[in-house]
N, C-alpha and C. Protein backbone atom coordinates (compact mmCIF):
# COMPACT_ATOMS: atom_id res chain seq x y z
N MET A 1 0.98 -1.17 0.09
CA MET A 1 -0.15 -0.21 0.03
C MET A 1 0.94 1.14 0.01
N LEU A 2 0.52 2.39 -0.62
CA LEU A 2 1.08 3.61 -0.85
C LEU A 2 1.25 4.27 0.40
N ASN A 3 2.29 4.96 0.87
CA ASN A 3 2.07 5.75 1.81
C ASN A 3 1.51 7.17 1.56
N LYS A 4 0.82 7.81 2.41
CA LYS A 4 -0.05 9.20 2.05
C LYS A 4 1.25 10.08 2.11
N ALA A 5 0.84 11.04 0.91
CA ALA A 5 1.80 12.02 0.59
C ALA A 5 1.81 13.07 1.84
N PRO A 6 3.11 13.47 2.20
CA PRO A 6 3.29 14.39 3.24
C PRO A 6 2.64 15.85 3.08
N LYS A 7 2.34 16.44 4.04
CA LYS A 7 1.58 17.52 3.88
C LYS A 7 2.50 18.44 3.37
N LEU A 8 2.30 19.40 2.59
CA LEU A 8 2.95 20.38 1.72
C LEU A 8 2.97 21.55 2.47
N LYS A 9 2.33 21.72 3.79
CA LYS A 9 2.17 23.14 4.48
C LYS A 9 3.41 23.30 5.01
N GLN A 10 4.15 22.24 5.36
CA GLN A 10 5.70 22.34 6.03
C GLN A 10 6.37 23.09 4.89
N THR A 11 6.56 22.01 3.96
CA THR A 11 7.58 22.64 2.62
C THR A 11 7.05 23.94 2.26
N VAL A 12 6.04 24.31 1.89
CA VAL A 12 5.56 25.64 1.62
C VAL A 12 6.33 26.78 2.42
N LYS A 13 5.84 26.44 3.65
CA LYS A 13 6.39 27.33 4.66
C LYS A 13 7.71 27.64 4.70
N SER A 14 8.54 26.30 4.53
CA SER A 14 9.88 26.56 4.71
C SER A 14 10.62 27.16 3.58
N LYS A 15 9.85 27.07 2.19
CA LYS A 15 10.31 27.97 1.12
C LYS A 15 10.08 29.07 1.07
N MET A 16 9.24 29.67 1.64
CA MET A 16 8.58 30.99 1.83
C MET A 16 9.48 32.03 2.63
N LYS A 17 9.84 33.10 1.87
CA LYS A 17 10.70 34.19 2.53
C LYS A 17 9.88 34.98 3.65
N SER A 18 8.74 34.79 3.72
CA SER A 18 8.09 35.63 4.78
C SER A 18 6.89 34.83 5.38
N ASN A 19 6.53 35.22 6.42
CA ASN A 19 5.49 34.33 7.12
C ASN A 19 4.18 34.54 6.70
N ILE A 20 3.92 33.86 5.89
CA ILE A 20 2.47 33.86 5.31
C ILE A 20 1.94 32.70 5.50
N ASN A 21 0.65 32.90 6.19
CA ASN A 21 -0.24 31.89 6.77
C ASN A 21 -1.09 31.28 5.39
N VAL A 22 -0.88 29.90 5.58
CA VAL A 22 -1.47 29.25 4.22
C VAL A 22 -2.96 28.49 4.91
N ARG A 23 -3.96 28.70 4.55
CA ARG A 23 -5.35 27.96 5.18
C ARG A 23 -5.37 26.57 4.69
N PRO A 24 -6.06 25.85 5.30
CA PRO A 24 -6.17 24.53 4.71
C PRO A 24 -6.84 24.20 3.30
N ALA A 25 -7.74 24.88 3.12
CA ALA A 25 -8.43 25.07 1.63
C ALA A 25 -7.13 25.19 0.69
N SER A 26 -6.53 26.35 0.91
CA SER A 26 -5.42 26.51 -0.02
C SER A 26 -4.24 25.63 0.03
N GLU A 27 -4.22 24.86 1.06
CA GLU A 27 -3.31 23.86 1.38
C GLU A 27 -3.79 22.50 0.40
N ALA A 28 -5.00 22.33 0.46
CA ALA A 28 -5.47 21.16 -0.31
C ALA A 28 -5.36 21.68 -1.77
N MET A 29 -5.60 22.73 -2.38
CA MET A 29 -5.61 23.00 -3.48
C MET A 29 -4.23 22.97 -4.02
N ILE A 30 -3.20 23.50 -3.73
CA ILE A 30 -1.92 23.36 -3.74
C ILE A 30 -1.36 21.82 -3.92
N GLU A 31 -1.78 20.99 -3.06
CA GLU A 31 -1.68 19.84 -2.89
C GLU A 31 -2.37 19.16 -4.52
N LEU A 32 -3.51 19.58 -4.77
CA LEU A 32 -4.14 18.84 -5.81
C LEU A 32 -3.32 19.38 -7.17
N LEU A 33 -2.98 20.75 -7.19
CA LEU A 33 -2.38 21.18 -8.57
C LEU A 33 -0.91 20.54 -8.48
N THR A 34 -0.37 20.21 -7.49
CA THR A 34 1.15 19.50 -7.53
C THR A 34 0.88 18.09 -8.24
N LEU A 35 -0.10 17.43 -7.74
CA LEU A 35 -0.61 15.90 -8.05
C LEU A 35 -0.93 15.87 -9.55
N LEU A 36 -1.73 16.95 -10.05
CA LEU A 36 -2.05 17.13 -11.41
C LEU A 36 -1.05 17.44 -12.51
N PHE A 37 0.07 17.99 -11.91
CA PHE A 37 1.13 18.52 -12.44
C PHE A 37 2.27 17.27 -12.69
N LEU A 38 2.31 16.62 -11.48
CA LEU A 38 3.01 15.29 -11.39
C LEU A 38 2.72 14.37 -12.39
N ASN A 39 1.20 14.20 -12.35
CA ASN A 39 0.54 13.24 -13.38
C ASN A 39 0.83 13.66 -14.83
N SER A 40 0.73 14.77 -15.18
CA SER A 40 0.80 15.32 -16.60
C SER A 40 2.55 15.00 -16.79
N LEU A 41 3.17 15.29 -16.26
CA LEU A 41 4.57 14.92 -16.36
C LEU A 41 4.90 13.72 -16.46
N ALA A 42 4.20 12.70 -15.91
CA ALA A 42 4.50 11.11 -15.96
C ALA A 42 3.92 10.66 -17.22
N GLU A 43 2.85 11.12 -17.58
CA GLU A 43 2.16 10.72 -18.78
C GLU A 43 3.29 11.30 -20.08
N GLU A 44 3.40 12.34 -20.05
CA GLU A 44 4.27 13.07 -21.04
C GLU A 44 5.73 12.26 -21.22
N ALA A 45 6.34 12.02 -20.14
CA ALA A 45 7.42 11.12 -20.06
C ALA A 45 7.34 9.73 -20.48
N LYS A 46 6.29 9.41 -20.39
CA LYS A 46 5.89 8.00 -20.80
C LYS A 46 5.88 7.87 -22.27
N ALA A 47 5.13 8.84 -22.69
CA ALA A 47 4.92 9.07 -24.09
C ALA A 47 6.35 9.42 -24.81
N LYS A 48 7.23 9.97 -24.33
CA LYS A 48 8.49 10.22 -24.51
C LYS A 48 9.15 8.80 -24.73
N ALA A 49 9.29 8.02 -23.84
CA ALA A 49 9.74 6.80 -23.68
C ALA A 49 9.40 6.09 -24.64
N PHE A 50 7.94 6.15 -24.96
CA PHE A 50 7.50 4.93 -25.80
C PHE A 50 7.82 5.67 -27.56
N GLU A 51 8.16 6.80 -27.58
CA GLU A 51 8.52 7.15 -28.95
C GLU A 51 9.98 6.65 -29.06
N GLU A 52 10.70 6.63 -28.07
CA GLU A 52 12.21 6.00 -28.21
C GLU A 52 12.23 4.60 -27.82
N LYS A 53 11.03 4.02 -28.10
CA LYS A 53 11.23 2.50 -27.99
C LYS A 53 11.84 1.96 -26.75
N CYS A 54 11.86 2.68 -25.60
CA CYS A 54 12.31 2.44 -24.29
C CYS A 54 11.36 2.04 -23.17
N ALA A 55 11.57 0.86 -22.38
CA ALA A 55 10.49 0.30 -21.68
C ALA A 55 10.32 1.04 -20.35
N THR A 56 11.42 1.86 -19.95
CA THR A 56 11.47 2.48 -18.67
C THR A 56 11.56 3.83 -18.82
N ILE A 57 10.90 4.51 -17.88
CA ILE A 57 11.15 6.20 -18.08
C ILE A 57 12.26 6.53 -17.36
N ARG A 58 13.29 7.37 -18.07
CA ARG A 58 14.41 7.63 -17.48
C ARG A 58 14.49 9.21 -17.36
N ALA A 59 15.62 9.37 -16.73
CA ALA A 59 15.83 11.26 -16.48
C ALA A 59 15.97 11.77 -17.68
N GLN A 60 16.17 11.44 -18.69
CA GLN A 60 16.78 12.04 -19.82
C GLN A 60 15.27 12.34 -20.54
N HIS A 61 14.22 11.24 -20.16
CA HIS A 61 12.79 11.85 -20.79
C HIS A 61 12.20 12.61 -19.88
N LEU A 62 12.38 12.73 -18.67
CA LEU A 62 11.90 13.83 -17.76
C LEU A 62 12.26 14.98 -18.29
N LYS A 63 13.52 15.27 -18.42
CA LYS A 63 14.20 16.57 -18.72
C LYS A 63 13.76 17.10 -20.08
N ALA A 64 13.54 16.09 -21.09
CA ALA A 64 13.20 16.57 -22.26
C ALA A 64 11.50 17.24 -22.21
N VAL A 65 10.74 16.67 -21.34
CA VAL A 65 9.43 16.88 -21.27
C VAL A 65 9.09 17.94 -20.42
N SER A 66 10.01 18.29 -19.52
CA SER A 66 9.80 18.90 -18.22
C SER A 66 9.66 20.64 -18.83
N LYS A 67 10.46 21.31 -19.63
CA LYS A 67 10.50 22.24 -19.96
C LYS A 67 9.29 22.70 -21.04
N LYS A 68 8.61 21.86 -21.51
CA LYS A 68 7.38 22.11 -22.36
C LYS A 68 6.31 22.33 -21.37
N LEU A 69 6.53 21.45 -20.19
CA LEU A 69 5.07 21.16 -19.52
C LEU A 69 5.27 22.34 -18.49
N LEU A 70 6.38 22.95 -18.16
CA LEU A 70 6.58 24.32 -17.21
C LEU A 70 5.73 25.51 -18.15
N LYS A 71 6.30 25.47 -19.30
CA LYS A 71 5.72 26.51 -20.17
C LYS A 71 4.26 26.43 -20.05
N LYS A 72 3.88 25.46 -20.13
CA LYS A 72 2.37 25.43 -20.47
C LYS A 72 1.59 25.64 -18.77
N ALA A 73 2.29 25.11 -17.76
CA ALA A 73 1.59 25.39 -16.40
C ALA A 73 1.85 26.84 -16.26
N ARG A 74 2.74 27.58 -16.68
CA ARG A 74 2.85 28.91 -16.19
C ARG A 74 1.65 29.83 -16.97
N GLY A 75 1.11 29.31 -17.89
CA GLY A 75 0.04 29.92 -18.53
C GLY A 75 0.02 30.63 -20.00
């Protein structure tokens, strides 16, 4: 069974330069958006690996896809 993902609230607070409080609803939204981004990253990397006729997803596949997805995520 998979372990539950760690709460992002501590990570977000540690990365922030100022002391901004994050409400639980916002924390849940951040977690959902992060999971959606990771899901799309995994799907694109899987497609890239399939194009190269590779059975496993490697770091090179993620690097090739990450720039495109980050541009798409910015808007």
